[in-house]
Structures are given as C-alpha cells and as structure tokens.
Amino acid sequence: MYQYLIRPLLFLFDPEKIHHFIFAFLKFSGKIPGAKSLLRFLYVTESPLLARELFGIRFKNPVGLAAGFDKDAKLIDELDCLGFGFIEIGTLTPRPQPGNEKPRLFRLPKDRALINRMGFNNEGVLAAAERLKRRKSSIVVGGNIGKNKITPNEKAVDDYNDCFEVLYPYVDYFVVNVSSPNTPGLRELQEKEPLKKLMAHVKQRSNKKEKPKPVLLKIAPDLTTSQLDDIVEILIETKTDGVIATNTTISRDGLATDAKTISAIGNGGLSGQPLTKKSTEVISYLRSKLGKNYPIIGVGGIMTAADAADKLKAGADLVQVYTGFIYEGPGLAKKILRAVRLH
C-alpha cells in the first residue's frame, strides 16, 4: 500500500515539509491508546536469532535507522515501534543552527535517490539531551556528533568534545562525523593528521569515564584507496571502536535523472540506489584491511533486503537505512530482518 498509494501522494509535496508532517503524524499517533501496539504488531520482528553483540552492546537486531532522520531525538519511542534494532540521532552540534538555505532536500525518483544539503540543521545538543532524558524506550541509541558551521577547523575538537560531554549519559555509542559534504571544510578533517588528532581526543575523553562508551568514525564513499588506507591506520592507532561506511556521495555519475535537473539542484550529498554498489565496495575493502573482527556498520543505498544482505556478506556487522526507508516505507526493516533470519 505504501509504494502504490501513500508514497505517490507524499511525493507530490516538498520533501522537507513532508518530513516534518510525518514527524508530527507519528508523534500524534503515538499518543493514541493502542497505536504503538498496532505499529509493533505490523512492523516489529522479534527473535533471539536476530540479536547481535558489537563493541560490548547488545543490539536486538542488525538493522538501524541512520543519522539524519531523527536529528533531534524527537521520535525515539515512536521509531522503536517500526522494527529497528538501533537508532542514530544527529548530526548534533554544540549550538543550535538553522542549516543551509531552503530548498535543500530533493528527490530523484528515477534513481530512487535523494540529494540533500541540509548543513547540520539541528536544535543543538542540549535540546536533544533533554528529550533523551524523557524517552521510555530502551532501544540502543547512537549519538552522531559534528561541529558548528562557524567553528574553524582548528577548533573543531572543542565542538566534538562539547557534544560528547553533554550526550555521554544518554547515548550508547558515539559517531564522529567528518564526512558530510554540506558543511564547508568539514571533509578536510578526514585528512590524516587532523583526523588522527580528533579521533584520539574523543577516544581519550571516553576512556576517562568510569564506563567508557564506544566511539565510531563515519566516513565518506568518495575516498581514494590511499585515503582509505590512512583511515584504517588511524582507526587502529587511535583504538577507535568501529567505522560506519558510508555517508552520502558528491558524485553524480551514472544517474538516470537528466543532467539539466541535476545541475539545477546544485550541490549536496547524494544517497539512495546510486550509492549501493560504491558503499558496499568500501565495506569490502575495509573488511579486507581491518580483519574479520573489527566492527563495521554498513550504510548507503540499502533499498531492499537483498541490498542489506550484500552489505552483510561484504563484511558489515550491522546495517543502517535512510533513503530506502523513504522510498520503501515503514516495512523495510521487517523485510530485511525476514531475509536475514532465513539465511
């Protein structure tokens, strides 16, 4: 029903406005007696065979919702009813920021893709922490953290540190995001020396806590083999707990959407089906270099259960969805888990 009736209707309207409408609808629905139970009945698949243990955390299943959907931790309890094994909030910054000018989110239906240049729009880490204090769900939550647009790269460590300290009591793991293409200069932090300094700092902050929490790095799909080798070296040297591969791409290669439309849209990160193969290749390469036991979360172009299975076969321990969730609807996690359980 979603693909043939609901999605065509939703796609008639501005993507960002529909995003806010869906949020309001889910929040309202969650307050109706019995609504969450109905959602669980429709979308949750439970089985001890689906559980995974990674960096000391037990995930009830291997399918998560990627960062970017619930940036401000507004829908943790509601999204828990849609079958996910974990939810990643953010990207969060120390101070609230509006993000880039609108329009900044675009659909490419011919490619089953999205282009976004949101620019880390969020209400700030303090607001998210307040919401996390009140959540009722026990689902695993990751905190994806970044720097404010106005913060120069030489002071980026301070922003990541501030986010870490505020979120520490309320999330289960952290993700250092230096791979979004929508904050000017951010990807420069993926260069070897700045990244080594940043990851070492956040990891040290965690180690000083009575109960350290896992620190992961999220990387771009556009890195060269040499850059990926540097990433591997940094992950090992700084004892980073895991890697998320991959963020959105700046490439526009091989799109079915006409070049004029793509040019009119302009800059932004591309996600969805065009990213499927590339992100899986990055996962496979990382697995070959990091060995069989290093934690990898696969994300990028998971539109079907088969796409998720391919990423798991390539070496991912867990997977995350976002654009596939938009195109396939709330039943995607259940479809993936059904396939995972059968294999």
Foldseek 3Di string as FASTA:
>chain_A
DCQPPVLVVLVVDQPVVSLVVVLVVLVVQVPDPPSLVVLLVVAADFDCVQWDAAPRDIFRHQEEADEDSAQQQSQPQSLVSLHHREYEHFQAWAAADQFDDPPAWADDVQQLKIFGLRGRHDHHLLRSLVNLVPDDDPHAYEYEYFYHLPDDLVCGLVGRVSSCVSCVVRHQAYEYEQAFPNRPPSVVCLPQPNVLVNLLSSQVVQVPDPHRHAYEYEHALPDDPVSLVSVLVSCVVSVHQAYEFHDFDQDPPPDPPDPVVVVVSDTGGMFAQVFLVSSLVSLLSSCVSNDQRRAYEYETHCQALVSQVSSVVSRHPHYYYDSSCSNVHSNRSVRNVVVVVVD
